C-alpha atoms as a PDB file:
ATOM      1  CA  UNK A   1     118.411  69.929 128.985  1.00  0.00           C
ATOM      2  CA  UNK A   2     121.301  67.767 129.872  1.00  0.00           C
ATOM      3  CA  UNK A   3     121.111  64.153 130.996  1.00  0.00           C
ATOM      4  CA  UNK A   4     122.824  65.252 134.280  1.00  0.00           C
ATOM      5  CA  UNK A   5     120.070  67.717 135.095  1.00  0.00           C
ATOM      6  CA  UNK A   6     117.433  65.319 134.088  1.00  0.00           C
ATOM      7  CA  UNK A   7     118.765  62.816 136.487  1.00  0.00           C
ATOM      8  CA  UNK A   8     118.956  65.530 139.299  1.00  0.00           C
ATOM      9  CA  UNK A   9     115.510  66.643 138.543  1.00  0.00           C
ATOM     10  CA  UNK A  10     114.330  62.926 138.738  1.00  0.00           C
ATOM     11  CA  UNK A  11     115.940  62.409 142.111  1.00  0.00           C
ATOM     12  CA  UNK A  12     114.199  65.488 143.516  1.00  0.00           C
ATOM     13  CA  UNK A  13     110.914  64.285 142.303  1.00  0.00           C
ATOM     14  CA  UNK A  14     111.383  60.804 143.873  1.00  0.00           C
ATOM     15  CA  UNK A  15     112.401  62.085 147.058  1.00  0.00           C
ATOM     16  CA  UNK A  16     109.392  64.410 147.345  1.00  0.00           C
ATOM     17  CA  UNK A  17     106.558  62.896 149.238  1.00  0.00           C
ATOM     18  CA  UNK A  18     103.984  65.383 147.828  1.00  0.00           C
ATOM     19  CA  UNK A  19     104.718  66.586 144.237  1.00  0.00           C
ATOM     20  CA  UNK A  20     102.055  69.288 143.196  1.00  0.00           C
ATOM     21  CA  UNK A  21     100.504  68.866 139.693  1.00  0.00           C
ATOM     22  CA  UNK A  22     101.483  72.233 138.592  1.00  0.00           C
ATOM     23  CA  UNK A  23     105.114  72.011 139.631  1.00  0.00           C
ATOM     24  CA  UNK A  24     105.305  68.620 137.883  1.00  0.00           C
ATOM     25  CA  UNK A  25     103.913  70.100 134.649  1.00  0.00           C
ATOM     26  CA  UNK A  26     106.254  73.049 134.720  1.00  0.00           C
ATOM     27  CA  UNK A  27     109.518  71.235 135.726  1.00  0.00           C
ATOM     28  CA  UNK A  28     108.986  67.830 134.080  1.00  0.00           C
ATOM     29  CA  UNK A  29     106.043  67.348 131.715  1.00  0.00           C
ATOM     30  CA  UNK A  30     106.495  70.395 129.493  1.00  0.00           C
ATOM     31  CA  UNK A  31     110.245  69.991 128.986  1.00  0.00           C
ATOM     32  CA  UNK A  32     109.514  66.362 128.194  1.00  0.00           C
ATOM     33  CA  UNK A  33     106.992  66.846 125.587  1.00  0.00           C
ATOM     34  CA  UNK A  34     108.760  69.631 123.982  1.00  0.00           C
ATOM     35  CA  UNK A  35     111.513  67.284 123.040  1.00  0.00           C
ATOM     36  CA  UNK A  36     109.029  64.486 121.854  1.00  0.00           C
ATOM     37  CA  UNK A  37     105.842  65.834 120.717  1.00  0.00           C
ATOM     38  CA  UNK A  38     105.429  68.062 117.433  1.00  0.00           C
ATOM     39  CA  UNK A  39     101.970  69.012 118.942  1.00  0.00           C
ATOM     40  CA  UNK A  40     103.336  70.100 122.550  1.00  0.00           C
ATOM     41  CA  UNK A  41     101.858  73.577 122.070  1.00  0.00           C
ATOM     42  CA  UNK A  42      98.389  71.994 121.889  1.00  0.00           C
ATOM     43  CA  UNK A  43      99.007  70.042 124.999  1.00  0.00           C
ATOM     44  CA  UNK A  44     100.218  73.170 126.779  1.00  0.00           C
ATOM     45  CA  UNK A  45      97.134  75.088 125.704  1.00  0.00           C
ATOM     46  CA  UNK A  46      95.003  72.202 127.034  1.00  0.00           C
ATOM     47  CA  UNK A  47      96.887  72.179 130.364  1.00  0.00           C
ATOM     48  CA  UNK A  48      96.527  75.788 131.035  1.00  0.00           C
ATOM     49  CA  UNK A  49      92.747  75.975 129.817  1.00  0.00           C
ATOM     50  CA  UNK A  50      91.271  72.822 131.375  1.00  0.00           C
ATOM     51  CA  UNK A  51      93.752  70.891 133.733  1.00  0.00           C
ATOM     52  CA  UNK A  52      95.770  73.224 135.720  1.00  0.00           C
ATOM     53  CA  UNK A  53      92.912  75.484 136.850  1.00  0.00           C
ATOM     54  CA  UNK A  54      91.483  72.419 138.598  1.00  0.00           C
ATOM     55  CA  UNK A  55      94.449  70.440 139.741  1.00  0.00           C
ATOM     56  CA  UNK A  56      97.571  72.799 139.731  1.00  0.00           C
ATOM     57  CA  UNK A  57      97.789  73.157 143.600  1.00  0.00           C
ATOM     58  CA  UNK A  58      96.835  69.524 144.143  1.00  0.00           C
ATOM     59  CA  UNK A  59      99.381  66.778 145.113  1.00  0.00           C
ATOM     60  CA  UNK A  60      99.452  64.203 142.302  1.00  0.00           C
ATOM     61  CA  UNK A  61      99.252  61.365 144.987  1.00  0.00           C
ATOM     62  CA  UNK A  62      96.086  62.782 146.354  1.00  0.00           C
ATOM     63  CA  UNK A  63      94.208  63.046 143.114  1.00  0.00           C
ATOM     64  CA  UNK A  64      91.575  60.200 142.845  1.00  0.00           C
ATOM     65  CA  UNK A  65      90.000  58.506 140.073  1.00  0.00           C
ATOM     66  CA  UNK A  66      86.572  59.730 141.236  1.00  0.00           C
ATOM     67  CA  UNK A  67      87.685  63.226 141.120  1.00  0.00           C
ATOM     68  CA  UNK A  68      89.031  62.710 137.700  1.00  0.00           C
ATOM     69  CA  UNK A  69      85.626  61.307 136.550  1.00  0.00           C
ATOM     70  CA  UNK A  70      83.933  64.263 138.084  1.00  0.00           C
ATOM     71  CA  UNK A  71      86.040  66.642 136.418  1.00  0.00           C
ATOM     72  CA  UNK A  72      85.560  64.912 132.986  1.00  0.00           C
ATOM     73  CA  UNK A  73      81.762  65.061 133.505  1.00  0.00           C
ATOM     74  CA  UNK A  74      81.930  68.769 134.317  1.00  0.00           C
ATOM     75  CA  UNK A  75      83.869  69.438 131.056  1.00  0.00           C
ATOM     76  CA  UNK A  76      80.980  67.695 129.169  1.00  0.00           C
ATOM     77  CA  UNK A  77      78.511  69.842 131.220  1.00  0.00           C
ATOM     78  CA  UNK A  78      80.136  73.003 129.913  1.00  0.00           C
ATOM     79  CA  UNK A  79      79.218  72.064 126.521  1.00  0.00           C
ATOM     80  CA  UNK A  80      82.556  70.626 125.093  1.00  0.00           C
ATOM     81  CA  UNK A  81      82.041  67.919 122.573  1.00  0.00           C
ATOM     82  CA  UNK A  82      82.803  64.322 123.418  1.00  0.00           C
ATOM     83  CA  UNK A  83      86.019  64.260 121.185  1.00  0.00           C
ATOM     84  CA  UNK A  84      87.259  67.398 122.866  1.00  0.00           C
ATOM     85  CA  UNK A  85      86.878  65.970 126.291  1.00  0.00           C
ATOM     86  CA  UNK A  86      88.664  62.773 125.251  1.00  0.00           C
ATOM     87  CA  UNK A  87      91.351  64.901 123.882  1.00  0.00           C
ATOM     88  CA  UNK A  88      91.710  66.725 127.197  1.00  0.00           C
ATOM     89  CA  UNK A  89      91.651  63.476 129.278  1.00  0.00           C
ATOM     90  CA  UNK A  90      94.308  62.001 126.961  1.00  0.00           C
ATOM     91  CA  UNK A  91      96.623  64.929 127.964  1.00  0.00           C
ATOM     92  CA  UNK A  92      95.883  64.261 131.733  1.00  0.00           C
ATOM     93  CA  UNK A  93      96.545  60.611 131.250  1.00  0.00           C
ATOM     94  CA  UNK A  94      99.869  61.359 129.586  1.00  0.00           C
ATOM     95  CA  UNK A  95     100.892  63.632 132.414  1.00  0.00           C
ATOM     96  CA  UNK A  96      99.978  60.944 134.911  1.00  0.00           C
ATOM     97  CA  UNK A  97     101.641  58.193 133.009  1.00  0.00           C
ATOM     98  CA  UNK A  98     104.863  60.396 133.047  1.00  0.00           C
ATOM     99  CA  UNK A  99     104.580  60.952 136.800  1.00  0.00           C
ATOM    100  CA  UNK A 100     104.410  57.109 137.314  1.00  0.00           C
ATOM    101  CA  UNK A 101     107.497  56.559 135.395  1.00  0.00           C
ATOM    102  CA  UNK A 102     109.198  59.290 137.362  1.00  0.00           C
ATOM    103  CA  UNK A 103     108.114  57.573 140.480  1.00  0.00           C
ATOM    104  CA  UNK A 104     106.184  60.788 141.715  1.00  0.00           C
ATOM    105  CA  UNK A 105     103.039  58.469 142.039  1.00  0.00           C
ATOM    106  CA  UNK A 106     102.713  54.755 142.206  1.00  0.00           C
ATOM    107  CA  UNK A 107      99.416  54.646 140.147  1.00  0.00           C
ATOM    108  CA  UNK A 108      97.882  56.988 137.726  1.00  0.00           C
ATOM    109  CA  UNK A 109      94.295  58.425 138.954  1.00  0.00           C
ATOM    110  CA  UNK A 110      93.310  58.302 135.135  1.00  0.00           C
ATOM    111  CA  UNK A 111      94.270  54.616 134.579  1.00  0.00           C
ATOM    112  CA  UNK A 112      90.727  53.310 134.590  1.00  0.00           C
ATOM    113  CA  UNK A 113      89.022  56.416 133.429  1.00  0.00           C
ATOM    114  CA  UNK A 114      87.268  55.953 130.099  1.00  0.00           C
ATOM    115  CA  UNK A 115      86.444  58.503 127.493  1.00  0.00           C
ATOM    116  CA  UNK A 116      83.245  59.230 126.009  1.00  0.00           C
ATOM    117  CA  UNK A 117      81.922  57.060 123.140  1.00  0.00           C
ATOM    118  CA  UNK A 118      82.065  58.987 119.755  1.00  0.00           C
ATOM    119  CA  UNK A 119      79.400  58.961 117.133  1.00  0.00           C
ATOM    120  CA  UNK A 120      80.036  57.669 113.808  1.00  0.00           C
ATOM    121  CA  UNK A 121      82.295  59.866 111.655  1.00  0.00           C
ATOM    122  CA  UNK A 122      80.331  62.876 110.202  1.00  0.00           C
ATOM    123  CA  UNK A 123      80.085  62.997 106.450  1.00  0.00           C
ATOM    124  CA  UNK A 124      79.758  66.400 104.740  1.00  0.00           C
ATOM    125  CA  UNK A 125      80.933  67.658 101.518  1.00  0.00           C
ATOM    126  CA  UNK A 126      79.995  70.272  99.045  1.00  0.00           C
ATOM    127  CA  UNK A 127      77.815  69.577  96.190  1.00  0.00           C
ATOM    128  CA  UNK A 128      78.782  70.835  92.782  1.00  0.00           C
ATOM    129  CA  UNK A 129      76.410  73.869  93.033  1.00  0.00           C
ATOM    130  CA  UNK A 130      77.768  74.682  96.601  1.00  0.00           C
ATOM    131  CA  UNK A 131      81.310  74.525  95.621  1.00  0.00           C
ATOM    132  CA  UNK A 132      80.794  76.849  92.681  1.00  0.00           C
ATOM    133  CA  UNK A 133      78.904  79.330  94.794  1.00  0.00           C
ATOM    134  CA  UNK A 134      81.627  79.325  97.372  1.00  0.00           C
ATOM    135  CA  UNK A 135      84.353  79.786  94.695  1.00  0.00           C
ATOM    136  CA  UNK A 136      82.411  82.724  93.294  1.00  0.00           C
ATOM    137  CA  UNK A 137      82.182  84.363  96.731  1.00  0.00           C
ATOM    138  CA  UNK A 138      85.821  83.755  97.342  1.00  0.00           C
ATOM    139  CA  UNK A 139      86.853  85.325  94.012  1.00  0.00           C
ATOM    140  CA  UNK A 140      84.910  88.535  94.996  1.00  0.00           C
ATOM    141  CA  UNK A 141      86.591  88.774  98.208  1.00  0.00           C
ATOM    142  CA  UNK A 142      89.949  90.762  98.551  1.00  0.00           C
ATOM    143  CA  UNK A 143      90.837  89.181 101.947  1.00  0.00           C
ATOM    144  CA  UNK A 144      94.046  86.943 102.184  1.00  0.00           C
ATOM    145  CA  UNK A 145      91.841  84.495 103.977  1.00  0.00           C
ATOM    146  CA  UNK A 146      89.741  84.032 100.821  1.00  0.00           C
ATOM    147  CA  UNK A 147      92.949  83.079  98.779  1.00  0.00           C
ATOM    148  CA  UNK A 148      93.814  80.553 101.694  1.00  0.00           C
ATOM    149  CA  UNK A 149      90.264  78.885 101.447  1.00  0.00           C
ATOM    150  CA  UNK A 150      90.601  78.848  97.725  1.00  0.00           C
ATOM    151  CA  UNK A 151      93.866  76.819  97.878  1.00  0.00           C
ATOM    152  CA  UNK A 152      92.228  74.521 100.481  1.00  0.00           C
ATOM    153  CA  UNK A 153      89.566  73.673  98.079  1.00  0.00           C
ATOM    154  CA  UNK A 154      91.744  73.278  95.042  1.00  0.00           C
ATOM    155  CA  UNK A 155      94.509  71.147  96.619  1.00  0.00           C
ATOM    156  CA  UNK A 156      92.804  69.205  99.462  1.00  0.00           C
ATOM    157  CA  UNK A 157      95.540  70.282 101.689  1.00  0.00           C
ATOM    158  CA  UNK A 158      95.201  70.622 105.422  1.00  0.00           C
ATOM    159  CA  UNK A 159      94.597  73.976 106.798  1.00  0.00           C
ATOM    160  CA  UNK A 160      97.866  74.138 108.735  1.00  0.00           C
ATOM    161  CA  UNK A 161      99.800  73.056 105.374  1.00  0.00           C
ATOM    162  CA  UNK A 162      98.429  76.113 103.660  1.00  0.00           C
ATOM    163  CA  UNK A 163      98.553  78.746 106.504  1.00  0.00           C
ATOM    164  CA  UNK A 164     102.226  77.833 107.454  1.00  0.00           C
ATOM    165  CA  UNK A 165     103.450  77.311 103.972  1.00  0.00           C
ATOM    166  CA  UNK A 166     106.619  79.502 103.045  1.00  0.00           C
ATOM    167  CA  UNK A 167     107.695  80.869  99.763  1.00  0.00           C
ATOM    168  CA  UNK A 168     110.776  78.901  99.659  1.00  0.00           C
ATOM    169  CA  UNK A 169     108.744  75.744  99.373  1.00  0.00           C
ATOM    170  CA  UNK A 170     106.778  76.837  96.533  1.00  0.00           C
ATOM    171  CA  UNK A 171     107.933  75.487  93.178  1.00  0.00           C
ATOM    172  CA  UNK A 172     105.932  77.034  90.455  1.00  0.00           C
ATOM    173  CA  UNK A 173     107.772  75.248  87.425  1.00  0.00           C
ATOM    174  CA  UNK A 174     107.267  71.815  88.936  1.00  0.00           C
ATOM    175  CA  UNK A 175     103.613  72.862  90.261  1.00  0.00           C
ATOM    176  CA  UNK A 176     104.453  71.629  93.741  1.00  0.00           C
ATOM    177  CA  UNK A 177     104.201  72.858  97.261  1.00  0.00           C
ATOM    178  CA  UNK A 178     106.459  71.227  99.560  1.00  0.00           C
ATOM    179  CA  UNK A 179     105.549  70.441 103.134  1.00  0.00           C
ATOM    180  CA  UNK A 180     108.874  69.863 104.900  1.00  0.00           C
ATOM    181  CA  UNK A 181     107.404  67.702 107.824  1.00  0.00           C
ATOM    182  CA  UNK A 182     103.733  66.651 107.429  1.00  0.00           C
ATOM    183  CA  UNK A 183     101.269  64.992 109.812  1.00  0.00           C
ATOM    184  CA  UNK A 184     103.031  61.563 108.936  1.00  0.00           C
ATOM    185  CA  UNK A 185     106.535  62.981 110.075  1.00  0.00           C
ATOM    186  CA  UNK A 186     107.502  62.827 106.320  1.00  0.00           C
ATOM    187  CA  UNK A 187     107.957  65.523 103.764  1.00  0.00           C
ATOM    188  CA  UNK A 188     104.860  65.925 101.526  1.00  0.00           C
ATOM    189  CA  UNK A 189     104.332  67.379  98.095  1.00  0.00           C
ATOM    190  CA  UNK A 190     101.118  69.013  97.452  1.00  0.00           C
ATOM    191  CA  UNK A 191     100.286  69.086  93.614  1.00  0.00           C
ATOM    192  CA  UNK A 192      99.246  72.479  92.258  1.00  0.00           C
ATOM    193  CA  UNK A 193      96.637  72.878  89.546  1.00  0.00           C
ATOM    194  CA  UNK A 194      96.811  75.767  86.943  1.00  0.00           C
ATOM    195  CA  UNK A 195      94.026  77.586  89.022  1.00  0.00           C
ATOM    196  CA  UNK A 196      96.016  76.978  92.109  1.00  0.00           C
ATOM    197  CA  UNK A 197      99.257  78.344  90.517  1.00  0.00           C
ATOM    198  CA  UNK A 198      97.400  81.448  89.201  1.00  0.00           C
ATOM    199  CA  UNK A 199      96.331  82.154  92.814  1.00  0.00           C
ATOM    200  CA  UNK A 200      99.925  81.843  94.174  1.00  0.00           C
ATOM    201  CA  UNK A 201     101.056  84.286  91.316  1.00  0.00           C
ATOM    202  CA  UNK A 202      98.819  86.987  92.445  1.00  0.00           C
ATOM    203  CA  UNK A 203      99.565  86.787  96.272  1.00  0.00           C
ATOM    204  CA  UNK A 204     101.534  89.810  97.342  1.00  0.00           C
ATOM    205  CA  UNK A 205     104.944  89.267  98.697  1.00  0.00           C
ATOM    206  CA  UNK A 206     106.422  91.331 101.542  1.00  0.00           C
ATOM    207  CA  UNK A 207     110.196  92.076 101.600  1.00  0.00           C
ATOM    208  CA  UNK A 208     111.932  89.540 103.933  1.00  0.00           C
ATOM    209  CA  UNK A 209     108.663  87.852 104.846  1.00  0.00           C
ATOM    210  CA  UNK A 210     108.801  83.990 104.410  1.00  0.00           C
ATOM    211  CA  UNK A 211     105.156  83.302 104.606  1.00  0.00           C
ATOM    212  CA  UNK A 212     102.511  83.044 101.919  1.00  0.00           C
ATOM    213  CA  UNK A 213      99.879  84.465 104.319  1.00  0.00           C
ATOM    214  CA  UNK A 214     101.747  86.858 106.761  1.00  0.00           C
ATOM    215  CA  UNK A 215      99.942  87.351 110.034  1.00  0.00           C
ATOM    216  CA  UNK A 216      99.304  90.650 111.995  1.00  0.00           C
ATOM    217  CA  UNK A 217     102.260  89.765 114.268  1.00  0.00           C
ATOM    218  CA  UNK A 218     105.562  90.420 112.517  1.00  0.00           C
ATOM    219  CA  UNK A 219     107.490  87.138 111.611  1.00  0.00           C
ATOM    220  CA  UNK A 220     104.413  84.978 112.051  1.00  0.00           C
ATOM    221  CA  UNK A 221     101.824  83.600 109.641  1.00  0.00           C
ATOM    222  CA  UNK A 222      98.068  83.912 109.910  1.00  0.00           C
ATOM    223  CA  UNK A 223      97.219  81.957 113.005  1.00  0.00           C
ATOM    224  CA  UNK A 224      93.606  81.032 111.932  1.00  0.00           C
ATOM    225  CA  UNK A 225      90.898  81.864 109.501  1.00  0.00           C
ATOM    226  CA  UNK A 226      87.848  80.638 111.497  1.00  0.00           C
ATOM    227  CA  UNK A 227      86.259  83.951 111.821  1.00  0.00           C
ATOM    228  CA  UNK A 228      86.313  84.887 108.179  1.00  0.00           C
ATOM    229  CA  UNK A 229      85.205  81.215 107.352  1.00  0.00           C
ATOM    230  CA  UNK A 230      82.400  81.407 109.873  1.00  0.00           C
ATOM    231  CA  UNK A 231      81.027  84.606 108.552  1.00  0.00           C
ATOM    232  CA  UNK A 232      81.257  83.510 104.992  1.00  0.00           C
ATOM    233  CA  UNK A 233      79.722  80.165 105.402  1.00  0.00           C
ATOM    234  CA  UNK A 234      76.737  81.565 107.067  1.00  0.00           C
ATOM    235  CA  UNK A 235      76.090  84.052 104.517  1.00  0.00           C
ATOM    236  CA  UNK A 236      76.210  81.229 101.985  1.00  0.00           C
ATOM    237  CA  UNK A 237      73.882  79.027 104.014  1.00  0.00           C
ATOM    238  CA  UNK A 238      76.695  76.494 104.691  1.00  0.00           C
ATOM    239  CA  UNK A 239      76.605  76.876 108.433  1.00  0.00           C
ATOM    240  CA  UNK A 240      77.215  73.073 108.841  1.00  0.00           C
ATOM    241  CA  UNK A 241      80.327  73.071 106.640  1.00  0.00           C
ATOM    242  CA  UNK A 242      83.613  72.934 108.462  1.00  0.00           C
ATOM    243  CA  UNK A 243      87.110  73.996 107.044  1.00  0.00           C
ATOM    244  CA  UNK A 244      88.055  70.508 107.103  1.00  0.00           C
ATOM    245  CA  UNK A 245      85.075  69.489 104.901  1.00  0.00           C
ATOM    246  CA  UNK A 246      86.773  71.133 102.033  1.00  0.00           C
ATOM    247  CA  UNK A 247      89.424  68.358 102.187  1.00  0.00           C
ATOM    248  CA  UNK A 248      86.404  65.793 101.978  1.00  0.00           C
ATOM    249  CA  UNK A 249      85.146  67.620  99.001  1.00  0.00           C
ATOM    250  CA  UNK A 250      88.429  67.669  97.142  1.00  0.00           C
ATOM    251  CA  UNK A 251      88.632  63.791  97.612  1.00  0.00           C
ATOM    252  CA  UNK A 252      84.941  63.257  96.590  1.00  0.00           C
ATOM    253  CA  UNK A 253      85.227  65.154  93.402  1.00  0.00           C
ATOM    254  CA  UNK A 254      88.256  62.985  92.513  1.00  0.00           C
ATOM    255  CA  UNK A 255      86.448  59.790  93.165  1.00  0.00           C
ATOM    256  CA  UNK A 256      83.314  60.796  91.365  1.00  0.00           C
ATOM    257  CA  UNK A 257      85.183  61.903  88.337  1.00  0.00           C
ATOM    258  CA  UNK A 258      86.841  58.456  87.987  1.00  0.00           C
ATOM    259  CA  UNK A 259      90.176  58.817  89.730  1.00  0.00           C
ATOM    260  CA  UNK A 260      91.426  55.837  91.719  1.00  0.00           C
ATOM    261  CA  UNK A 261      91.564  55.579  95.558  1.00  0.00           C
ATOM    262  CA  UNK A 262      95.370  55.404  95.105  1.00  0.00           C
ATOM    263  CA  UNK A 263      95.523  58.713  93.348  1.00  0.00           C
ATOM    264  CA  UNK A 264      93.338  60.256  96.106  1.00  0.00           C
ATOM    265  CA  UNK A 265      95.531  58.812  98.736  1.00  0.00           C
ATOM    266  CA  UNK A 266      98.575  60.207  97.057  1.00  0.00           C
ATOM    267  CA  UNK A 267      97.097  63.678  96.703  1.00  0.00           C
ATOM    268  CA  UNK A 268      95.734  63.694 100.285  1.00  0.00           C
ATOM    269  CA  UNK A 269      99.083  62.624 101.735  1.00  0.00           C
ATOM    270  CA  UNK A 270      97.753  59.464 103.422  1.00  0.00           C
ATOM    271  CA  UNK A 271      99.987  56.815 104.368  1.00  0.00           C
ATOM    272  CA  UNK A 272      97.143  54.315 105.175  1.00  0.00           C
ATOM    273  CA  UNK A 273      94.556  53.821 102.308  1.00  0.00           C
ATOM    274  CA  UNK A 274      92.036  53.094 105.046  1.00  0.00           C
ATOM    275  CA  UNK A 275      92.151  56.638 105.991  1.00  0.00           C
ATOM    276  CA  UNK A 276      91.512  57.716 102.299  1.00  0.00           C
ATOM    277  CA  UNK A 277      88.205  55.579 102.454  1.00  0.00           C
ATOM    278  CA  UNK A 278      86.615  58.009 104.892  1.00  0.00           C
ATOM    279  CA  UNK A 279      86.953  60.923 102.231  1.00  0.00           C
ATOM    280  CA  UNK A 280      85.781  58.820  99.239  1.00  0.00           C
ATOM    281  CA  UNK A 281      82.060  59.705  99.363  1.00  0.00           C
ATOM    282  CA  UNK A 282      80.450  58.347  96.044  1.00  0.00           C
ATOM    283  CA  UNK A 283      77.402  60.244  94.866  1.00  0.00           C
ATOM    284  CA  UNK A 284      74.299  58.018  94.159  1.00  0.00           C
ATOM    285  CA  UNK A 285      74.682  58.787  90.432  1.00  0.00           C
ATOM    286  CA  UNK A 286      78.174  57.228  90.540  1.00  0.00           C
ATOM    287  CA  UNK A 287      76.940  54.229  92.121  1.00  0.00           C
ATOM    288  CA  UNK A 288      74.070  53.677  89.824  1.00  0.00           C
ATOM    289  CA  UNK A 289      76.315  54.096  86.849  1.00  0.00           C
ATOM    290  CA  UNK A 290      78.530  51.500  88.293  1.00  0.00           C
ATOM    291  CA  UNK A 291      75.821  48.967  88.764  1.00  0.00           C
ATOM    292  CA  UNK A 292      74.733  49.875  85.076  1.00  0.00           C
ATOM    293  CA  UNK A 293      78.170  49.138  83.883  1.00  0.00           C
ATOM    294  CA  UNK A 294      77.931  45.433  85.222  1.00  0.00           C
ATOM    295  CA  UNK A 295      74.485  45.065  83.257  1.00  0.00           C
ATOM    296  CA  UNK A 296      76.089  46.424  80.245  1.00  0.00           C
ATOM    297  CA  UNK A 297      79.024  44.018  80.334  1.00  0.00           C
ATOM    298  CA  UNK A 298      76.838  41.141  80.678  1.00  0.00           C
ATOM    299  CA  UNK A 299      74.541  42.533  78.070  1.00  0.00           C
ATOM    300  CA  UNK A 300      71.436  41.242  79.789  1.00  0.00           C
ATOM    301  CA  UNK A 301      68.996  42.631  77.168  1.00  0.00           C
ATOM    302  CA  UNK A 302      70.530  40.722  74.376  1.00  0.00           C
ATOM    303  CA  UNK A 303      71.148  37.736  76.428  1.00  0.00           C
ATOM    304  CA  UNK A 304      67.277  37.627  77.157  1.00  0.00           C
ATOM    305  CA  UNK A 305      66.471  37.811  73.570  1.00  0.00           C
ATOM    306  CA  UNK A 306      68.699  34.901  72.586  1.00  0.00           C
ATOM    307  CA  UNK A 307      67.664  32.743  75.514  1.00  0.00           C
ATOM    308  CA  UNK A 308      66.239  29.405  74.623  1.00  0.00           C
ATOM    309  CA  UNK A 309      62.441  28.949  74.612  1.00  0.00           C
ATOM    310  CA  UNK A 310      60.776  27.049  77.417  1.00  0.00           C
ATOM    311  CA  UNK A 311      61.339  23.340  76.834  1.00  0.00           C
ATOM    312  CA  UNK A 312      64.440  23.637  75.034  1.00  0.00           C
ATOM    313  CA  UNK A 313      67.437  22.025  76.388  1.00  0.00           C
ATOM    314  CA  UNK A 314      70.432  23.939  77.212  1.00  0.00           C
ATOM    315  CA  UNK A 315      73.654  22.568  75.370  1.00  0.00           C
END
């Protein structure tokens, strides 16, 4: 959209005394986030599912803070997780903040509305036995979703990085899968083990299809693997394990086998090492071995045998 058209639209919004929420979303907010947010499709889905059904016909100026708080409570009452409710509220706050900057309203009705407190980050990763059982089940499945899950466990990649991977970004000789634009807004290079390379070599390639995992809709990759994963995890007695927990498991295996947090950070593609710490779950055995290493270094047993008898003066 040209600058002139944006200015004209801004002028119309300012002159209007009663801008409806739905109209502002359609004519201003969606064009705005499409230019500025990589995840604009997520915002659009949240708007259509949770915000517009309630507020589309309402004037932005007439929406009160009390209404927003009641709406948020209603979302929680429908069974949505606190984090999900907070994400929905964040989109509404972003929408209202833009309306303030466009002078459609003087004050955001979401300004003083607080999200729900979140519990401590959930920690779940597969034990050695669980990971082996999962890999055996995946190897027995002919489904392409099974190959995708194998790659997630073997690389520690994010689900979107595997499902949206293109053949042009696979470099088998260098053993690298390139992600042109990662979550950190920079290119990322996923290291591929020999097992991961073997899986990629066996994937069927469709003529003129760029995706490693083509979807049912022509020209698009697989959109999601939740149905396959949910059925498989329940069959294996792993109902509490999420897809993202495979990334936790990858990091934990690295740490428990003696690799540094720096190596884990690089393999996971984290820009901040503090984020990597969330994935570095050391097993009790590794912690005990670490404390024993201190005792071994100090050689306490030998030191005790050579200690001076009571009454002896230390030099």
